[in-house]
Every structure is written in C-alpha cells, then in structure tokens.
Amino acid sequence: MSTPKAEVSSMLGGLPDSSSLEDIQYHLYVLEKVKRGLQRAETEGAVSHEDAKVRLGKWLSG
C-alpha cells in the first residue's frame, strides 16, 4: 500500500508542467473520490458489469 504522499507525487509526475493549481486540486479531488469508491466497493460489495447489464437490460432493450 502506498502512502498518500507517494500517491500525490505519482499524480503530480503525470501532469504537464503547465498545470495550474486548479488542475492539481481537481486531480487530487478525483484521486480521493476513486480511492473512496474502491474502498466502499471492497467493504459493501459491488455489482459486476455483467450483472448490471442483466439488471438494466429490461429498461435498455425494447
């Protein structure tokens, strides 16, 4: 498991040098949201892509 500092450092390394502070804040926001979503899926469970297609199939076809 990487540390938050390592995650931010990696994220910053992938951004162009011309990135603004707003760009960096946005990427930090997205990084945190993805991390929370993955943790929530791990603790609460998630629906697979195939199961979602089956569940939504009755509304999407027809």
Protein backbone atom coordinates (compact mmCIF):
# COMPACT_ATOMS: atom_id res chain seq x y z
CA MET A 1 0.00 0.00 0.00
CA SER A 2 1.42 3.36 -0.97
CA THR A 3 1.34 6.41 1.22
CA PRO A 4 -0.76 9.47 0.39
CA LYS A 5 2.46 11.40 -0.25
CA ALA A 6 3.60 8.78 -2.76
CA GLU A 7 0.20 8.82 -4.48
CA VAL A 8 0.28 12.61 -4.82
CA SER A 9 3.87 12.54 -6.03
CA SER A 10 2.95 9.99 -8.69
CA MET A 11 -0.08 12.03 -9.73
CA LEU A 12 2.00 15.22 -10.00
CA GLY A 13 4.57 13.39 -12.10
CA GLY A 14 1.89 12.56 -14.64
CA LEU A 15 0.64 16.12 -15.02
CA PRO A 16 2.11 18.54 -17.54
CA ASP A 17 4.39 21.29 -16.23
CA SER A 18 1.82 23.86 -17.35
CA SER A 19 -0.80 22.54 -14.87
CA SER A 20 -2.46 25.20 -12.79
CA LEU A 21 -3.24 24.93 -9.08
CA GLU A 22 -6.87 24.36 -10.06
CA ASP A 23 -5.82 21.44 -12.29
CA ILE A 24 -3.87 19.92 -9.41
CA GLN A 25 -6.78 20.41 -6.99
CA TYR A 26 -9.15 18.74 -9.45
CA HIS A 27 -6.85 15.75 -9.87
CA LEU A 28 -6.49 15.43 -6.09
CA TYR A 29 -10.29 15.51 -5.79
CA VAL A 30 -10.69 12.77 -8.41
CA LEU A 31 -7.93 10.67 -6.83
CA GLU A 32 -9.68 10.84 -3.44
CA LYS A 33 -13.11 10.04 -4.91
CA VAL A 34 -11.76 6.99 -6.76
CA LYS A 35 -9.98 5.81 -3.62
CA ARG A 36 -13.17 6.16 -1.55
CA GLY A 37 -15.20 4.37 -4.21
CA LEU A 38 -12.79 1.44 -4.30
CA GLN A 39 -12.83 1.19 -0.50
CA ARG A 40 -16.62 1.30 -0.48
CA ALA A 41 -16.84 -1.40 -3.15
CA GLU A 42 -14.49 -3.55 -1.10
CA THR A 43 -16.45 -3.16 2.15
CA GLU A 44 -20.01 -3.01 0.82
CA GLY A 45 -19.65 -5.05 -2.33
CA ALA A 46 -20.16 -4.09 -5.92
CA VAL A 47 -22.21 -5.21 -8.92
CA SER A 48 -20.25 -6.72 -11.79
CA HIS A 49 -20.57 -5.30 -15.27
CA GLU A 50 -22.42 -8.42 -16.45
CA ASP A 51 -24.88 -8.28 -13.53
CA ALA A 52 -25.52 -4.60 -14.22
CA LYS A 53 -26.27 -5.35 -17.88
CA VAL A 54 -28.74 -8.06 -16.84
CA ARG A 55 -30.41 -5.82 -14.25
CA LEU A 56 -30.68 -2.89 -16.65
CA GLY A 57 -31.49 -4.98 -19.69
CA LYS A 58 -35.24 -4.71 -19.28
CA TRP A 59 -35.02 -0.91 -19.48
CA LEU A 60 -32.34 -0.69 -22.14
CA SER A 61 -33.86 -3.10 -24.65
CA GLY A 62 -37.21 -2.76 -26.21
